[in-house]
Structures are given as C-alpha cells and as structure tokens.
Amino acid sequence: MDRCRGRFTPLQHELGIAPARLSDNLKRMAASGLLQHLGPHERRHPALPEYVLTEHGLLLREAAQAQEQAEQQLGLGRLSAKAWSMPVLLALHYRHERFGQLAQALPPVTPRMLSARLDELSGLGAVDKLLDEQPRPAFVYRLQHRAEPPLRQLAGDFASII
C-alpha cells in the first residue's frame, strides 16, 4: 500500500492481478474495516481511487510482518501459505504438546488437518515427533531447538500488538 500510495492502478500493477479482482478485494477489506476508501476531497487526485489502512489494518500489517520475519528466520519457506502451519507452531510454543491438547488449543482445526500439518512440520524439521509411553503410549510433539527463538519472538510480537 505504501509504495503505491494507496492508489488503485499502481497497486494493481504491483500485485499483477486483474482490476476486477483487486476492486473486489479492496471492497471486502474496506467492508471488514481494514481499509478506508478515501472520498474525492480527501484524495491527492480527486479522480483517482485511493485507499488507506485503518488502525485495525495497520495492526494486521504489523502481525503479517512479524510472521514473515519469523518465517525467514525459520528458513522453511512460506509456512503461512498452508492453513494452520503457523497456529500449530505457536500452540507448540505454548507447550500444547499432545494431539488432544493441540486440538483443544485450535478448536476449528479438524483432526485430519492437524495430523497433516504435524506430519509436514515434522518432515520439514521444525517439529520433533516423540513416543511417550507414560501413562499410555502416545505421541508428543515439540518444537526443534532451532525453531524456538523465532517462535518466541513471534509470540512476543503478537502479544505486543494486542
């Protein structure tokens, strides 16, 4: 938004998407309170549509930047591109280590999705899957040591934003 100064056409060119799709997305973001569509008298050029982030939009931008920084530090690609990857990692950061605990901490996630994300994160080397035989055999999931610092920072950044 900043590089395009909130203007429709430069934003459309930077994102490389169809004007109709951008228009629809901007309308949805404005309706949800993330953006404000400036009126003709508030714009730098009265004939060109212009948008600015609301306070809520600025907070979400901060959260997205913090998440992006954590992903870069983890070095495992865009984990946020797949649903539930980052929430699962954050739940593990907060010591929800058993499958049932994770499912309770992330109530809308389905068991199938949770299982898939845990397997993927384990395969990427972000999560260790350990067998705990007490009181009955069950898997315990823990962050690998190299994943702890970026997620601790991300949790702190999220806490400071709220």
Protein backbone atom coordinates (compact mmCIF):
# COMPACT_ATOMS: atom_id res chain seq x y z
CA MET A 1 0.00 0.00 0.00
CA ASP A 2 2.72 2.46 0.98
CA ARG A 3 4.74 2.14 -2.22
CA CYS A 4 1.62 2.67 -4.31
CA ARG A 5 0.43 5.47 -2.02
CA GLY A 6 -2.93 3.72 -1.84
CA ARG A 7 -3.73 4.29 -5.48
CA PHE A 8 -5.63 1.66 -7.42
CA THR A 9 -3.69 1.47 -10.70
CA PRO A 10 -0.16 1.32 -9.23
CA LEU A 11 -1.38 -1.24 -6.70
CA GLN A 12 -2.93 -3.32 -9.47
CA HIS A 13 0.33 -3.24 -11.46
CA GLU A 14 2.47 -4.13 -8.43
CA LEU A 15 0.27 -7.08 -7.49
CA GLY A 16 -0.19 -8.22 -11.09
CA ILE A 17 -3.86 -9.07 -10.69
CA ALA A 18 -6.94 -8.24 -12.71
CA PRO A 19 -8.59 -4.89 -11.92
CA ALA A 20 -11.93 -6.58 -11.15
CA ARG A 21 -10.29 -8.91 -8.63
CA LEU A 22 -8.40 -6.06 -6.96
CA SER A 23 -11.57 -3.99 -6.80
CA ASP A 24 -13.45 -6.87 -5.17
CA ASN A 25 -10.64 -7.47 -2.66
CA LEU A 26 -10.42 -3.77 -1.77
CA LYS A 27 -14.20 -3.60 -1.26
CA ARG A 28 -14.07 -6.64 1.04
CA MET A 29 -11.17 -5.19 3.01
CA ALA A 30 -13.00 -1.88 3.35
CA ALA A 31 -16.18 -3.67 4.46
CA SER A 32 -14.22 -5.58 7.12
CA GLY A 33 -12.65 -2.38 8.44
CA LEU A 34 -9.09 -2.92 7.20
CA LEU A 35 -9.09 -0.16 4.60
CA GLN A 36 -10.77 3.16 4.13
CA HIS A 37 -11.75 4.29 0.65
CA LEU A 38 -10.97 7.99 0.55
CA GLY A 39 -13.59 10.36 -0.78
CA PRO A 40 -12.87 12.69 -3.71
CA HIS A 41 -11.98 15.61 -1.40
CA GLU A 42 -9.56 13.52 0.71
CA ARG A 43 -7.52 12.14 -2.19
CA ARG A 44 -4.34 13.59 -3.60
CA HIS A 45 -6.03 13.44 -7.01
CA PRO A 46 -9.83 13.68 -6.94
CA ALA A 47 -10.34 11.43 -9.99
CA LEU A 48 -8.12 8.54 -8.86
CA PRO A 49 -9.40 5.99 -6.28
CA GLU A 50 -7.24 5.91 -3.18
CA TYR A 51 -7.20 3.72 -0.07
CA VAL A 52 -5.52 3.93 3.34
CA LEU A 53 -5.14 1.33 6.06
CA THR A 54 -7.32 1.80 9.12
CA GLU A 55 -5.93 1.34 12.64
CA HIS A 56 -7.09 -2.29 12.51
CA GLY A 57 -5.43 -2.71 9.11
CA LEU A 58 -2.17 -1.29 10.46
CA LEU A 59 -2.22 -3.79 13.35
CA LEU A 60 -2.79 -6.69 10.96
CA ARG A 61 0.04 -5.42 8.75
CA GLU A 62 2.33 -5.47 11.80
CA ALA A 63 1.24 -9.02 12.59
CA ALA A 64 1.85 -10.11 8.99
CA GLN A 65 5.31 -8.52 9.02
CA ALA A 66 6.17 -10.27 12.30
CA GLN A 67 5.01 -13.58 10.85
CA GLU A 68 7.02 -13.03 7.68
CA GLN A 69 10.13 -12.28 9.74
CA ALA A 70 9.64 -15.48 11.76
CA GLU A 71 9.26 -17.49 8.55
CA GLN A 72 12.51 -16.03 7.22
CA GLN A 73 14.34 -16.88 10.45
CA LEU A 74 12.97 -20.43 10.39
CA GLY A 75 14.19 -20.80 6.79
CA LEU A 76 11.50 -23.33 5.86
CA GLY A 77 9.70 -21.31 3.20
CA ARG A 78 6.29 -19.65 3.44
CA LEU A 79 4.72 -21.76 6.15
CA SER A 80 1.77 -19.36 6.32
CA ALA A 81 0.83 -20.31 2.77
CA LYS A 82 -0.68 -23.50 4.19
CA ALA A 83 -3.56 -23.27 6.62
CA TRP A 84 -2.79 -24.00 10.26
CA SER A 85 1.02 -24.25 9.99
CA MET A 86 1.80 -21.11 11.99
CA PRO A 87 -1.01 -21.61 14.55
CA VAL A 88 0.23 -25.17 15.17
CA LEU A 89 3.79 -23.91 15.70
CA LEU A 90 2.57 -21.22 18.08
CA ALA A 91 0.48 -23.76 20.02
CA LEU A 92 3.60 -25.91 20.36
CA HIS A 93 5.49 -22.86 21.56
CA TYR A 94 2.90 -22.53 24.34
CA ARG A 95 3.58 -26.17 25.34
CA HIS A 96 0.48 -27.83 23.90
CA GLU A 97 2.42 -31.00 23.07
CA ARG A 98 -0.12 -33.79 22.73
CA PHE A 99 -2.54 -34.16 19.84
CA GLY A 100 -5.59 -33.65 22.06
CA GLN A 101 -4.07 -30.54 23.64
CA LEU A 102 -3.34 -29.09 20.22
CA ALA A 103 -6.86 -29.85 19.03
CA GLN A 104 -8.29 -28.08 22.10
CA ALA A 105 -5.99 -25.08 21.65
CA LEU A 106 -7.03 -24.79 17.97
CA PRO A 107 -10.74 -25.69 18.10
CA PRO A 108 -11.74 -25.13 14.46
CA VAL A 109 -8.95 -27.38 13.11
CA THR A 110 -10.06 -30.85 12.07
CA PRO A 111 -8.12 -33.89 13.31
CA ARG A 112 -7.18 -34.75 9.73
CA MET A 113 -5.80 -31.25 9.07
CA LEU A 114 -3.94 -31.17 12.39
CA SER A 115 -2.38 -34.56 11.69
CA ALA A 116 -1.34 -33.46 8.19
CA ARG A 117 0.26 -30.23 9.45
CA LEU A 118 2.12 -32.02 12.25
CA ASP A 119 3.48 -34.55 9.77
CA GLU A 120 4.54 -31.78 7.35
CA LEU A 121 6.19 -29.71 10.08
CA SER A 122 7.97 -32.80 11.35
CA GLY A 123 9.17 -33.59 7.82
CA LEU A 124 10.45 -30.02 7.42
CA GLY A 125 12.46 -30.34 10.62
CA ALA A 126 10.53 -27.78 12.69
CA VAL A 127 8.84 -30.29 14.98
CA ASP A 128 10.03 -33.45 16.72
CA LYS A 129 7.54 -36.32 16.99
CA LEU A 130 8.40 -38.42 20.05
CA LEU A 131 6.77 -41.50 21.53
CA ASP A 132 5.85 -41.09 25.20
CA GLU A 133 4.96 -44.40 26.82
CA GLN A 134 3.62 -42.99 30.10
CA PRO A 135 0.78 -43.22 31.15
CA ARG A 136 -0.13 -44.94 27.86
CA PRO A 137 1.73 -44.82 24.54
CA ALA A 138 1.09 -41.58 22.68
CA PHE A 139 3.00 -39.15 20.51
CA VAL A 140 4.32 -35.90 21.92
CA TYR A 141 5.19 -33.03 19.58
CA ARG A 142 7.86 -30.49 20.42
CA LEU A 143 9.49 -27.64 18.59
CA GLN A 144 13.02 -28.34 17.46
CA HIS A 145 15.52 -26.13 19.26
CA ARG A 146 16.29 -24.05 16.18
CA ALA A 147 12.57 -23.22 15.79
CA GLU A 148 12.18 -21.95 19.35
CA PRO A 149 13.81 -18.47 19.07
CA PRO A 150 11.82 -17.28 16.01
CA LEU A 151 8.56 -18.52 17.51
CA ARG A 152 9.32 -16.96 20.89
CA GLN A 153 9.93 -13.67 19.07
CA LEU A 154 6.73 -14.08 17.04
CA ALA A 155 4.66 -14.81 20.16
CA GLY A 156 6.16 -11.71 21.81
CA ASP A 157 5.45 -9.58 18.74
CA PHE A 158 1.85 -10.79 18.61
CA ALA A 159 1.42 -10.11 22.34
CA SER A 160 2.75 -6.55 21.93
CA ILE A 161 0.37 -5.89 19.03
CA ILE A 162 -2.70 -6.93 21.01
